[in-house]
Every structure is written in structure tokens, then in C-alpha cells.
Amino acid sequence: MLETAQPTGYFTLLFRRRNFALLWLSGLLAYFAIWTSNIVVLDVVNDAMHSDVASAVILIVQFLPAFFLMPLAGRILDRYDRRHVLLASKLCSAALTMMLLFWSSALPVGWIIVIYTLSSISTTMFIIGEGALLPLVVARADLMRANILLRISPCLMLVLSAGFVAEREIGINHQDEFLLVAVLFLASAAVFSRIRRLRWAEADVSRCGEGLLREFLGGMGYLFRHRELAQVFAMRMALYVGVGGQVLLSVYSEEFYKLGDSGTGILYMARGLGLLIGSFALAPLMVSKGVRSVNAIRFGLALFGIGYLLGSALAGFGIGAVAVLLGFGFLGEGLLKPITMALLQERTDAVYLARVLAAEQGLSAVVQSAAAMVIATCVTDVPATVLWASAATGGLLIAIALCVKLRESHVDP
């Protein structure tokens, strides 16, 4: 990992650190492709299934492959140059999108879900690889700011793609959209390929003799032997309870307000704006004020939960009010994601980082899928069940926030 005495400013990181700038731009293109693909595939599956269960199925397919990828992802990222792994994941996503471009209208829905599952695996490798690569691109002191800047990409793309889905017409030809996604993945790969060779990119090859499961369990043992690191990891899992509650955005729009795609687009845009402001404004504010990590995490989780609670309590004021209130809650998610990720990267030994991040993605997939399934199961044709599901999600997040017991340590200013 690179080292510097003082953290670098945001402008310098983005415009004067070539490797980081390329990583950021590549991520911007990739996240736009990922979110647009998610929306288009959801629309295709909805048309085929004619059921509200489709949104829960797509969320589960999007999240769950990461669980089964846990042991393998860490090994791949430790054995091979992480630049090559990320580049391969982007090219694989482009190839799978091309399959949907040519055959989505002819394939049974089962095969579309299989292709989307493979695409989710590729996306998971990209996300894990980006987190493991970042400490090789920036200094330890810059990890917090670098994570804040990297969060802008998915948040901004969520806003734009949500606006895109809100304006789409049902039943349009999806081929043009799949072509756009494939081009974006290829452009992301082209930008990423310009990153220069990094030091220590293959430093973990010394463990080649270990078995796959033993290697993974060794990483988990390391995690749980370090209490504070394990608690940060646990807070990341708590965060994903609310992210799994993302299924509520579609449920609000389709079951409670009966607005369909237009309402879903509004709520997704609210989430994107909340994440964007939370990541780019609230998180830097807390960093600049030297707020202790425990207080930032507690505040973010509580804010996240309050958004769901207020959304359910004041749903009678219309979807606009719910969008504002949920967006307010998503400020907490935007605050938490860069801070907790930076803490994981800072406090995990470089030898174990890829395995810890792979476990983070895999176990978070289980948490998100479970939350999505529970919420989808609880919601019935009775509109009040939507509000109960939202209130229960918010209450759980607030309860977890009250139980945070991290040791008080200062965030680097």
C-alpha cells in the first residue's frame, strides 16, 4: 500500500493522479452500464412474468451470486494482476450484454435470468476488485477521500438511469438499450486498460499451496480475531438490511400508489440524490470535522432508518412526500458507504484485503436477498402491508444503530 504523511485534496486526486482518475472514469461508465442494464432486464422479466415478484427475483439474482463467489474471488484477486481481473470482468459484462442484445426477445425468461446471473457474477468481481485495487492506486491517508469520490459514480448513474426509466415507454424495443450498455462496458474497459502497472499487484502469490476453502477461512479467522475490524464489517452488513429494502421502492410505486414505472423512477431518483449528497457532502463534512467513526456510523444508520419510518408514517401525503423522506434517509446510506469501506481498507492487512472484501460482498448479498424476500413476502394486496414493511425496516436499522459499540477512534481529517 502506498503511504503519504498528509491526505491529498479531492481536486488533486481526481485531476492530478492519473491512475485514480482513470479508475474513477472507468467506474463512472461501468456503473451507468450496470444500472441501465438492471432496469432494462427488470423490464424484460416483468413483461415475461407479468408479476410484481419479478422485481424481487431480479434483486435476488443481482445479489446472491456474490455469496457463492466469496472463496474464489479472493483467490483470483490474490493470484493474478488485479488490473487484468477487472479488465476481464468488464469485457465479460459486455459480451453477456451482446447476448441479450441479439437474443433477449427470443429467449425464455429462464435463460434471460441465467445470463443476468452471469452478468451479476462479473459485476461482483468488478466491485470486489475495485475495492482491493484502490489501496494500490492511492495512499492510505487518501482512502477516505478516494472512496467518497468513487461513490459519486454509482450515485450519479442511479439518478440518471432512474430518470431514464421514468421517461421510458412500456413495450419499447430493448435492443437499442442493450447496445448502449454494451458500448459503455467496452468504453469502461478501454479507459481502465490505460492504468499503468501497479506495485504489489501480485504480492499474495506466496499462498499458492493453500486450499481454496482453507484460504478463505483463514481470511475469516483474521477478520474475527480483530474485534474492531469485525465490528466495522458487521456495520456494513447492517447497512445492507436497508439496501435490501430497496425492493420497497418498486413496491411503494406499484402496490401502494399504482403508478408503475413512472413512480419507481421517481423513488429511484430520490435514492440516487440521497446517496449522492450523503457521499459527496455529508461524508466529507464529517471527515473535515474529525467526527469519530463510531458516531458517524451510528448517525448514518439512524438516519437511514428514520427515512423508512417517516416514509411509512407520512405516505398519505403522496409519492412526492415519500420520495423526499426516503431520500432524506438515503443520506445516511451515502454517508456510511465510503466511511465504512475506507475503514475496512485502512484496518485490514494487505495480505487479507481481497478475501475480506470478497466476504463483505458475499455476505451482504445474503443480507440484501433475505431483506428483499421478507419484504416481498410480507406485502400483500392490502396497501397497509407496504407501510408496515417500511416501518419495520426503519425500526430495525435504528435499533442496530443504538447497539453500535465500536471503539472511539478519529477519522483522518
Protein backbone atom coordinates (compact mmCIF):
# COMPACT_ATOMS: atom_id res chain seq x y z
CA MET A 1 0.00 0.00 0.00
CA LEU A 2 1.22 3.50 -0.84
CA GLU A 3 1.96 5.87 2.03
CA THR A 4 1.89 9.67 2.41
CA ALA A 5 2.04 11.83 5.51
CA GLN A 6 -0.85 14.14 4.62
CA PRO A 7 -4.08 13.37 2.71
CA THR A 8 -4.37 14.67 -0.85
CA GLY A 9 -7.18 17.08 -1.80
CA TYR A 10 -10.17 15.96 -3.88
CA PHE A 11 -9.14 18.04 -6.90
CA THR A 12 -5.60 16.67 -6.88
CA LEU A 13 -6.83 13.09 -6.55
CA LEU A 14 -9.22 13.43 -9.45
CA PHE A 15 -7.22 15.55 -11.86
CA ARG A 16 -3.54 15.01 -10.98
CA ARG A 17 -3.40 11.34 -10.04
CA ARG A 18 -3.54 9.61 -13.40
CA ASN A 19 -4.26 6.07 -12.23
CA PHE A 20 -7.00 7.16 -9.85
CA ALA A 21 -8.59 9.43 -12.48
CA LEU A 22 -8.70 6.51 -14.94
CA LEU A 23 -10.15 4.20 -12.27
CA TRP A 24 -12.81 6.81 -11.46
CA LEU A 25 -13.80 7.45 -15.09
CA SER A 26 -13.87 3.73 -15.86
CA GLY A 27 -16.13 3.19 -12.86
CA LEU A 28 -18.42 6.02 -13.95
CA LEU A 29 -19.00 4.34 -17.31
CA ALA A 30 -19.32 0.87 -15.79
CA TYR A 31 -21.87 1.90 -13.16
CA PHE A 32 -24.00 3.66 -15.75
CA ALA A 33 -23.97 0.44 -17.78
CA ILE A 34 -24.74 -1.70 -14.71
CA TRP A 35 -27.70 0.35 -13.53
CA THR A 36 -29.14 0.76 -17.01
CA SER A 37 -28.79 -2.99 -17.55
CA ASN A 38 -30.57 -3.68 -14.26
CA ILE A 39 -33.50 -1.51 -15.29
CA VAL A 40 -33.80 -2.94 -18.79
CA VAL A 41 -33.53 -6.57 -17.63
CA LEU A 42 -36.15 -5.91 -14.94
CA ASP A 43 -38.47 -4.54 -17.62
CA VAL A 44 -37.88 -7.57 -19.86
CA VAL A 45 -38.53 -10.03 -17.00
CA ASN A 46 -41.59 -8.07 -15.87
CA ASP A 47 -43.04 -8.28 -19.38
CA ALA A 48 -42.40 -12.03 -19.44
CA MET A 49 -43.63 -12.89 -15.92
CA HIS A 50 -46.48 -10.35 -15.61
CA SER A 51 -45.92 -10.35 -11.85
CA ASP A 52 -44.68 -7.97 -9.16
CA VAL A 53 -42.49 -10.83 -7.91
CA ALA A 54 -40.17 -10.08 -10.86
CA SER A 55 -38.53 -7.15 -9.04
CA ALA A 56 -37.68 -9.36 -6.04
CA VAL A 57 -36.36 -12.11 -8.36
CA ILE A 58 -34.08 -9.64 -10.16
CA LEU A 59 -32.78 -8.22 -6.87
CA ILE A 60 -32.01 -11.72 -5.58
CA VAL A 61 -30.30 -12.70 -8.85
CA GLN A 62 -28.36 -9.44 -8.68
CA PHE A 63 -27.13 -10.03 -5.13
CA LEU A 64 -26.95 -13.76 -4.39
CA PRO A 65 -24.20 -14.92 -6.82
CA ALA A 66 -21.73 -12.93 -4.72
CA PHE A 67 -22.23 -15.41 -1.86
CA PHE A 68 -21.06 -18.38 -3.92
CA LEU A 69 -18.22 -16.33 -5.39
CA MET A 70 -16.71 -15.48 -1.97
CA PRO A 71 -13.88 -18.04 -1.75
CA LEU A 72 -12.99 -17.86 -5.45
CA ALA A 73 -12.97 -14.07 -5.78
CA GLY A 74 -10.32 -13.56 -3.10
CA ARG A 75 -8.09 -16.24 -4.60
CA ILE A 76 -8.35 -14.82 -8.13
CA LEU A 77 -7.55 -11.29 -6.96
CA ASP A 78 -4.57 -12.54 -4.93
CA ARG A 79 -3.16 -14.79 -7.65
CA TYR A 80 -3.41 -12.50 -10.66
CA ASP A 81 -2.77 -8.88 -11.51
CA ARG A 82 -5.90 -7.12 -10.28
CA ARG A 83 -5.90 -4.85 -13.29
CA HIS A 84 -6.31 -7.86 -15.55
CA VAL A 85 -9.12 -9.29 -13.41
CA LEU A 86 -11.08 -6.04 -13.54
CA LEU A 87 -10.50 -5.66 -17.26
CA ALA A 88 -11.73 -9.21 -17.86
CA SER A 89 -14.87 -8.57 -15.79
CA LYS A 90 -15.77 -5.53 -17.91
CA LEU A 91 -15.22 -7.39 -21.17
CA CYS A 92 -17.26 -10.33 -19.89
CA SER A 93 -20.14 -7.98 -19.00
CA ALA A 94 -20.00 -6.50 -22.50
CA ALA A 95 -20.14 -9.99 -24.07
CA LEU A 96 -23.12 -11.05 -21.95
CA THR A 97 -24.95 -7.84 -22.82
CA MET A 98 -24.36 -8.56 -26.50
CA MET A 99 -26.07 -11.93 -25.99
CA LEU A 100 -29.13 -10.12 -24.61
CA LEU A 101 -28.92 -7.62 -27.45
CA PHE A 102 -29.34 -10.34 -30.06
CA TRP A 103 -31.49 -12.91 -28.24
CA SER A 104 -33.49 -11.29 -25.40
CA SER A 105 -36.68 -11.18 -27.50
CA ALA A 106 -36.39 -14.88 -28.43
CA LEU A 107 -35.07 -16.47 -25.24
CA PRO A 108 -37.34 -17.89 -22.50
CA VAL A 109 -37.33 -15.84 -19.29
CA GLY A 110 -35.32 -18.57 -17.53
CA TRP A 111 -32.39 -18.14 -19.89
CA ILE A 112 -32.53 -14.37 -19.54
CA ILE A 113 -32.24 -14.80 -15.76
CA VAL A 114 -29.29 -17.20 -16.26
CA ILE A 115 -27.46 -14.65 -18.44
CA TYR A 116 -28.24 -11.90 -15.94
CA THR A 117 -26.89 -14.10 -13.14
CA LEU A 118 -23.60 -14.50 -15.02
CA SER A 119 -23.55 -10.74 -15.54
CA SER A 120 -24.08 -10.27 -11.78
CA ILE A 121 -21.08 -12.50 -11.10
CA SER A 122 -18.97 -10.36 -13.44
CA THR A 123 -20.24 -7.19 -11.75
CA THR A 124 -19.41 -8.63 -8.32
CA MET A 125 -15.82 -9.31 -9.43
CA PHE A 126 -15.61 -5.71 -10.63
CA ILE A 127 -16.86 -4.32 -7.30
CA ILE A 128 -14.60 -6.52 -5.16
CA GLY A 129 -11.64 -5.90 -7.46
CA GLU A 130 -12.11 -2.13 -7.40
CA GLY A 131 -12.08 -2.13 -3.59
CA ALA A 132 -8.97 -4.34 -3.48
CA LEU A 133 -7.20 -2.29 -6.16
CA LEU A 134 -7.80 1.12 -4.61
CA PRO A 135 -5.09 0.83 -1.88
CA LEU A 136 -2.61 0.17 -4.69
CA VAL A 137 -3.68 3.34 -6.51
CA VAL A 138 -3.85 5.86 -3.65
CA ALA A 139 -2.04 6.31 -0.34
CA ARG A 140 -3.55 5.13 2.95
CA ALA A 141 -4.22 8.72 4.00
CA ASP A 142 -6.23 9.26 0.80
CA LEU A 143 -8.52 6.23 1.09
CA MET A 144 -11.40 8.12 2.71
CA ARG A 145 -11.45 10.84 0.07
CA ALA A 146 -10.90 8.34 -2.75
CA ASN A 147 -13.89 6.27 -1.59
CA ILE A 148 -16.03 9.39 -1.40
CA LEU A 149 -15.11 10.26 -4.99
CA LEU A 150 -15.73 6.69 -6.17
CA ARG A 151 -19.20 6.78 -4.60
CA ILE A 152 -20.17 9.67 -6.88
CA SER A 153 -20.17 7.36 -9.90
CA PRO A 154 -22.86 4.85 -8.83
CA CYS A 155 -24.94 7.57 -7.16
CA LEU A 156 -24.91 9.85 -10.19
CA MET A 157 -25.62 6.98 -12.55
CA LEU A 158 -28.51 5.85 -10.35
CA VAL A 159 -30.04 9.33 -10.64
CA LEU A 160 -29.61 9.43 -14.42
CA SER A 161 -30.78 5.88 -15.05
CA ALA A 162 -33.77 6.41 -12.72
CA GLY A 163 -34.75 9.46 -14.71
CA PHE A 164 -34.29 7.37 -17.81
CA VAL A 165 -36.67 4.64 -16.62
CA ALA A 166 -39.26 7.20 -15.50
CA GLU A 167 -39.45 8.58 -19.05
CA ARG A 168 -39.44 5.25 -20.89
CA GLU A 169 -42.43 3.87 -22.68
CA ILE A 170 -43.59 0.35 -21.88
CA GLY A 171 -43.10 -2.15 -24.66
CA ILE A 172 -40.32 -0.29 -26.49
CA ASN A 173 -37.59 -2.12 -28.33
CA HIS A 174 -34.87 -3.11 -25.82
CA GLN A 175 -32.18 -3.77 -28.42
CA ASP A 176 -31.07 -0.13 -28.54
CA GLU A 177 -30.75 -0.06 -24.76
CA PHE A 178 -28.71 -3.26 -24.63
CA LEU A 179 -26.45 -1.86 -27.36
CA LEU A 180 -25.87 1.28 -25.26
CA VAL A 181 -24.98 -0.88 -22.23
CA ALA A 182 -22.51 -2.98 -24.26
CA VAL A 183 -20.83 0.15 -25.67
CA LEU A 184 -20.50 1.61 -22.15
CA PHE A 185 -18.87 -1.56 -20.83
CA LEU A 186 -16.41 -1.56 -23.74
CA ALA A 187 -15.62 2.13 -23.20
CA SER A 188 -15.09 1.45 -19.48
CA ALA A 189 -12.68 -1.38 -20.35
CA ALA A 190 -10.79 0.84 -22.80
CA VAL A 191 -10.32 3.58 -20.18
CA PHE A 192 -9.32 1.09 -17.48
CA SER A 193 -6.71 -0.53 -19.75
CA ARG A 194 -4.76 2.76 -19.64
CA ILE A 195 -3.93 2.32 -15.93
CA ARG A 196 -0.21 1.76 -15.52
CA ARG A 197 1.25 -1.28 -13.79
CA LEU A 198 0.93 -1.03 -10.01
CA ARG A 199 3.33 -2.02 -7.27
CA TRP A 200 2.49 -5.08 -5.18
CA ALA A 201 -0.31 -6.16 -7.55
CA GLU A 202 0.72 -9.81 -7.21
CA ALA A 203 2.20 -9.88 -3.70
CA ASP A 204 -0.08 -12.61 -2.34
CA VAL A 205 1.08 -15.38 -4.69
CA SER A 206 3.08 -16.91 -1.82
CA ARG A 207 -0.04 -18.69 -0.56
CA CYS A 208 -0.49 -20.77 -3.74
CA GLY A 209 -0.21 -24.05 -1.79
CA GLU A 210 -3.27 -23.40 0.40
CA GLY A 211 -6.61 -25.00 -0.46
CA LEU A 212 -9.43 -22.74 -1.60
CA LEU A 213 -11.63 -23.25 1.47
CA ARG A 214 -8.72 -23.09 3.93
CA GLU A 215 -7.54 -19.85 2.36
CA PHE A 216 -11.00 -18.31 2.65
CA LEU A 217 -11.48 -19.49 6.23
CA GLY A 218 -8.05 -18.08 7.07
CA GLY A 219 -9.28 -14.68 5.93
CA MET A 220 -12.43 -15.02 8.05
CA GLY A 221 -10.33 -16.05 11.03
CA TYR A 222 -8.21 -12.93 10.58
CA LEU A 223 -11.35 -10.80 10.42
CA PHE A 224 -12.86 -12.14 13.63
CA ARG A 225 -9.58 -12.04 15.53
CA HIS A 226 -9.58 -8.25 15.11
CA ARG A 227 -12.58 -7.08 17.08
CA GLU A 228 -12.82 -3.53 15.81
CA LEU A 229 -12.43 -4.65 12.19
CA ALA A 230 -15.13 -7.29 12.71
CA GLN A 231 -17.46 -4.63 14.10
CA VAL A 232 -16.94 -2.37 11.08
CA PHE A 233 -17.69 -5.42 8.93
CA ALA A 234 -20.87 -6.04 10.93
CA MET A 235 -21.98 -2.45 10.43
CA ARG A 236 -21.56 -2.94 6.68
CA MET A 237 -23.92 -5.91 6.99
CA ALA A 238 -26.44 -3.81 8.91
CA LEU A 239 -26.28 -1.21 6.15
CA TYR A 240 -27.32 -3.86 3.62
CA VAL A 241 -30.54 -4.57 5.51
CA GLY A 242 -31.69 -1.18 4.27
CA VAL A 243 -30.24 -1.71 0.81
CA GLY A 244 -32.23 -4.96 0.57
CA GLY A 245 -35.21 -2.80 1.45
CA GLN A 246 -34.68 -1.18 -1.95
CA VAL A 247 -37.44 -3.53 -3.12
CA LEU A 248 -39.75 -1.17 -1.21
CA LEU A 249 -39.18 1.47 -3.88
CA SER A 250 -40.87 -0.68 -6.51
CA VAL A 251 -43.48 -1.92 -4.02
CA TYR A 252 -44.45 1.63 -3.00
CA SER A 253 -44.91 2.65 -6.59
CA GLU A 254 -46.64 -0.50 -7.86
CA GLU A 255 -48.66 -1.70 -4.86
CA PHE A 256 -49.38 1.42 -2.84
CA TYR A 257 -49.61 4.22 -5.40
CA LYS A 258 -50.36 2.10 -8.51
CA LEU A 259 -48.05 4.28 -10.63
CA GLY A 260 -45.76 1.63 -12.15
CA ASP A 261 -42.54 2.68 -13.90
CA SER A 262 -43.04 6.42 -13.54
CA GLY A 263 -43.37 6.16 -9.75
CA THR A 264 -40.45 3.74 -9.49
CA GLY A 265 -38.29 6.17 -11.45
CA ILE A 266 -39.15 8.98 -9.03
CA LEU A 267 -38.24 6.89 -5.98
CA TYR A 268 -35.03 5.58 -7.54
CA MET A 269 -34.07 9.17 -8.34
CA ALA A 270 -34.70 10.10 -4.70
CA ARG A 271 -32.40 7.28 -3.63
CA GLY A 272 -29.71 8.37 -6.07
CA LEU A 273 -29.86 12.01 -4.93
CA GLY A 274 -29.78 10.98 -1.26
CA LEU A 275 -26.75 8.76 -1.88
CA LEU A 276 -25.03 11.45 -3.93
CA ILE A 277 -25.50 14.20 -1.34
CA GLY A 278 -24.69 11.85 1.54
CA SER A 279 -21.49 10.66 -0.11
CA PHE A 280 -20.28 13.93 -1.59
CA ALA A 281 -21.44 16.43 1.04
CA LEU A 282 -22.27 14.75 4.35
CA ALA A 283 -19.35 12.28 4.46
CA PRO A 284 -16.69 14.94 3.63
CA LEU A 285 -18.24 17.24 6.24
CA MET A 286 -17.85 14.59 8.93
CA VAL A 287 -14.31 13.82 7.76
CA SER A 288 -13.37 17.52 7.86
CA LYS A 289 -14.80 17.88 11.37
CA GLY A 290 -12.83 14.87 12.63
CA VAL A 291 -16.00 13.10 13.77
CA ARG A 292 -15.26 9.77 15.44
CA SER A 293 -16.04 6.80 13.22
CA VAL A 294 -18.42 5.27 15.79
CA ASN A 295 -20.54 8.43 15.86
CA ALA A 296 -20.59 8.73 12.06
CA ILE A 297 -21.72 5.11 11.70
CA ARG A 298 -24.37 5.40 14.39
CA PHE A 299 -25.71 8.63 12.89
CA GLY A 300 -25.78 7.20 9.36
CA LEU A 301 -27.66 4.03 10.35
CA ALA A 302 -30.18 6.01 12.41
CA LEU A 303 -30.76 8.46 9.57
CA PHE A 304 -31.27 5.57 7.16
CA GLY A 305 -33.89 4.05 9.45
CA ILE A 306 -35.67 7.34 10.09
CA GLY A 307 -36.19 7.75 6.34
CA TYR A 308 -38.11 4.47 6.11
CA LEU A 309 -40.11 5.27 9.26
CA LEU A 310 -41.13 8.73 8.08
CA GLY A 311 -41.92 7.43 4.60
CA SER A 312 -44.40 4.94 6.05
CA ALA A 313 -45.87 7.40 8.56
CA LEU A 314 -46.49 10.16 6.01
CA ALA A 315 -47.28 8.10 2.91
CA GLY A 316 -50.73 9.68 2.78
CA PHE A 317 -49.19 12.93 1.56
CA GLY A 318 -48.35 11.34 -1.80
CA ILE A 319 -45.42 9.83 -3.62
CA GLY A 320 -43.59 13.17 -3.74
CA ALA A 321 -43.51 13.33 0.06
CA VAL A 322 -42.36 9.71 0.29
CA ALA A 323 -39.61 10.39 -2.27
CA VAL A 324 -38.33 13.32 -0.18
CA LEU A 325 -38.47 11.39 3.08
CA LEU A 326 -36.81 8.26 1.70
CA GLY A 327 -34.21 10.46 0.01
CA PHE A 328 -33.52 12.03 3.40
CA GLY A 329 -32.93 8.55 4.82
CA PHE A 330 -30.64 7.60 1.96
CA LEU A 331 -28.34 10.43 3.06
CA GLY A 332 -27.39 8.01 5.83
CA GLU A 333 -26.57 5.24 3.36
CA GLY A 334 -24.49 7.69 1.32
CA LEU A 335 -22.60 8.71 4.46
CA LEU A 336 -21.97 5.14 5.60
CA LYS A 337 -20.71 3.50 2.44
CA PRO A 338 -17.48 5.46 1.86
CA ILE A 339 -16.62 5.75 5.56
CA THR A 340 -17.05 2.06 6.40
CA MET A 341 -15.29 0.94 3.20
CA ALA A 342 -12.34 3.20 3.94
CA LEU A 343 -12.16 1.81 7.48
CA LEU A 344 -12.08 -1.75 6.13
CA GLN A 345 -9.31 -0.87 3.67
CA GLU A 346 -7.29 1.05 6.27
CA ARG A 347 -7.50 -1.54 9.04
CA THR A 348 -7.18 -4.78 7.08
CA ASP A 349 -3.72 -6.18 6.44
CA ALA A 350 -2.95 -6.03 2.72
CA VAL A 351 -2.50 -9.81 2.58
CA TYR A 352 -6.12 -10.37 3.66
CA LEU A 353 -7.86 -7.43 1.99
CA ALA A 354 -9.17 -9.23 -1.13
CA ARG A 355 -10.61 -12.05 0.99
CA VAL A 356 -12.27 -9.68 3.45
CA LEU A 357 -13.83 -7.64 0.62
CA ALA A 358 -15.00 -10.83 -1.11
CA ALA A 359 -16.66 -11.91 2.14
CA GLU A 360 -18.19 -8.46 2.50
CA GLN A 361 -19.79 -8.72 -0.93
CA GLY A 362 -20.88 -12.33 -0.45
CA LEU A 363 -22.44 -11.97 2.98
CA SER A 364 -24.03 -8.65 2.07
CA ALA A 365 -25.67 -10.44 -0.86
CA VAL A 366 -27.32 -12.83 1.59
CA VAL A 367 -28.49 -9.96 3.81
CA GLN A 368 -29.88 -7.99 0.85
CA SER A 369 -31.58 -11.03 -0.66
CA ALA A 370 -33.12 -12.02 2.68
CA ALA A 371 -34.42 -8.50 3.25
CA ALA A 372 -35.87 -8.36 -0.27
CA MET A 373 -37.56 -11.76 0.11
CA VAL A 374 -39.00 -10.99 3.54
CA ILE A 375 -40.40 -7.65 2.39
CA ALA A 376 -41.81 -9.09 -0.84
CA THR A 377 -43.45 -11.90 1.19
CA CYS A 378 -44.93 -9.55 3.78
CA VAL A 379 -46.50 -7.24 1.22
CA THR A 380 -49.94 -8.35 0.08
CA ASP A 381 -52.79 -6.75 -1.84
CA VAL A 382 -53.58 -4.77 1.31
CA PRO A 383 -51.78 -1.40 0.91
CA ALA A 384 -51.17 -1.13 4.67
CA THR A 385 -48.67 -4.01 4.49
CA VAL A 386 -46.37 -1.79 2.41
CA LEU A 387 -46.28 0.75 5.22
CA TRP A 388 -45.72 -1.91 7.88
CA ALA A 389 -42.80 -3.36 5.91
CA SER A 390 -41.25 0.09 5.53
CA ALA A 391 -41.71 0.94 9.22
CA ALA A 392 -40.24 -2.41 10.32
CA THR A 393 -37.16 -1.88 8.13
CA GLY A 394 -36.63 1.57 9.59
CA GLY A 395 -37.12 0.39 13.15
CA LEU A 396 -34.59 -2.42 12.71
CA LEU A 397 -31.95 -0.02 11.37
CA ILE A 398 -32.46 2.38 14.27
CA ALA A 399 -32.24 -0.49 16.78
CA ILE A 400 -28.92 -1.61 15.25
CA ALA A 401 -27.62 1.98 15.36
CA LEU A 402 -28.30 2.08 19.10
CA CYS A 403 -26.21 -1.08 19.57
CA VAL A 404 -23.06 0.15 17.80
CA LYS A 405 -20.12 -0.42 20.17
CA LEU A 406 -17.08 0.50 18.07
CA ARG A 407 -14.05 1.81 19.89
CA GLU A 408 -13.91 5.56 19.53
CA SER A 409 -11.21 6.47 17.03
CA HIS A 410 -10.77 9.61 14.99
CA VAL A 411 -11.31 9.72 11.26
CA ASP A 412 -8.34 11.20 9.47
CA PRO A 413 -9.11 14.82 8.56
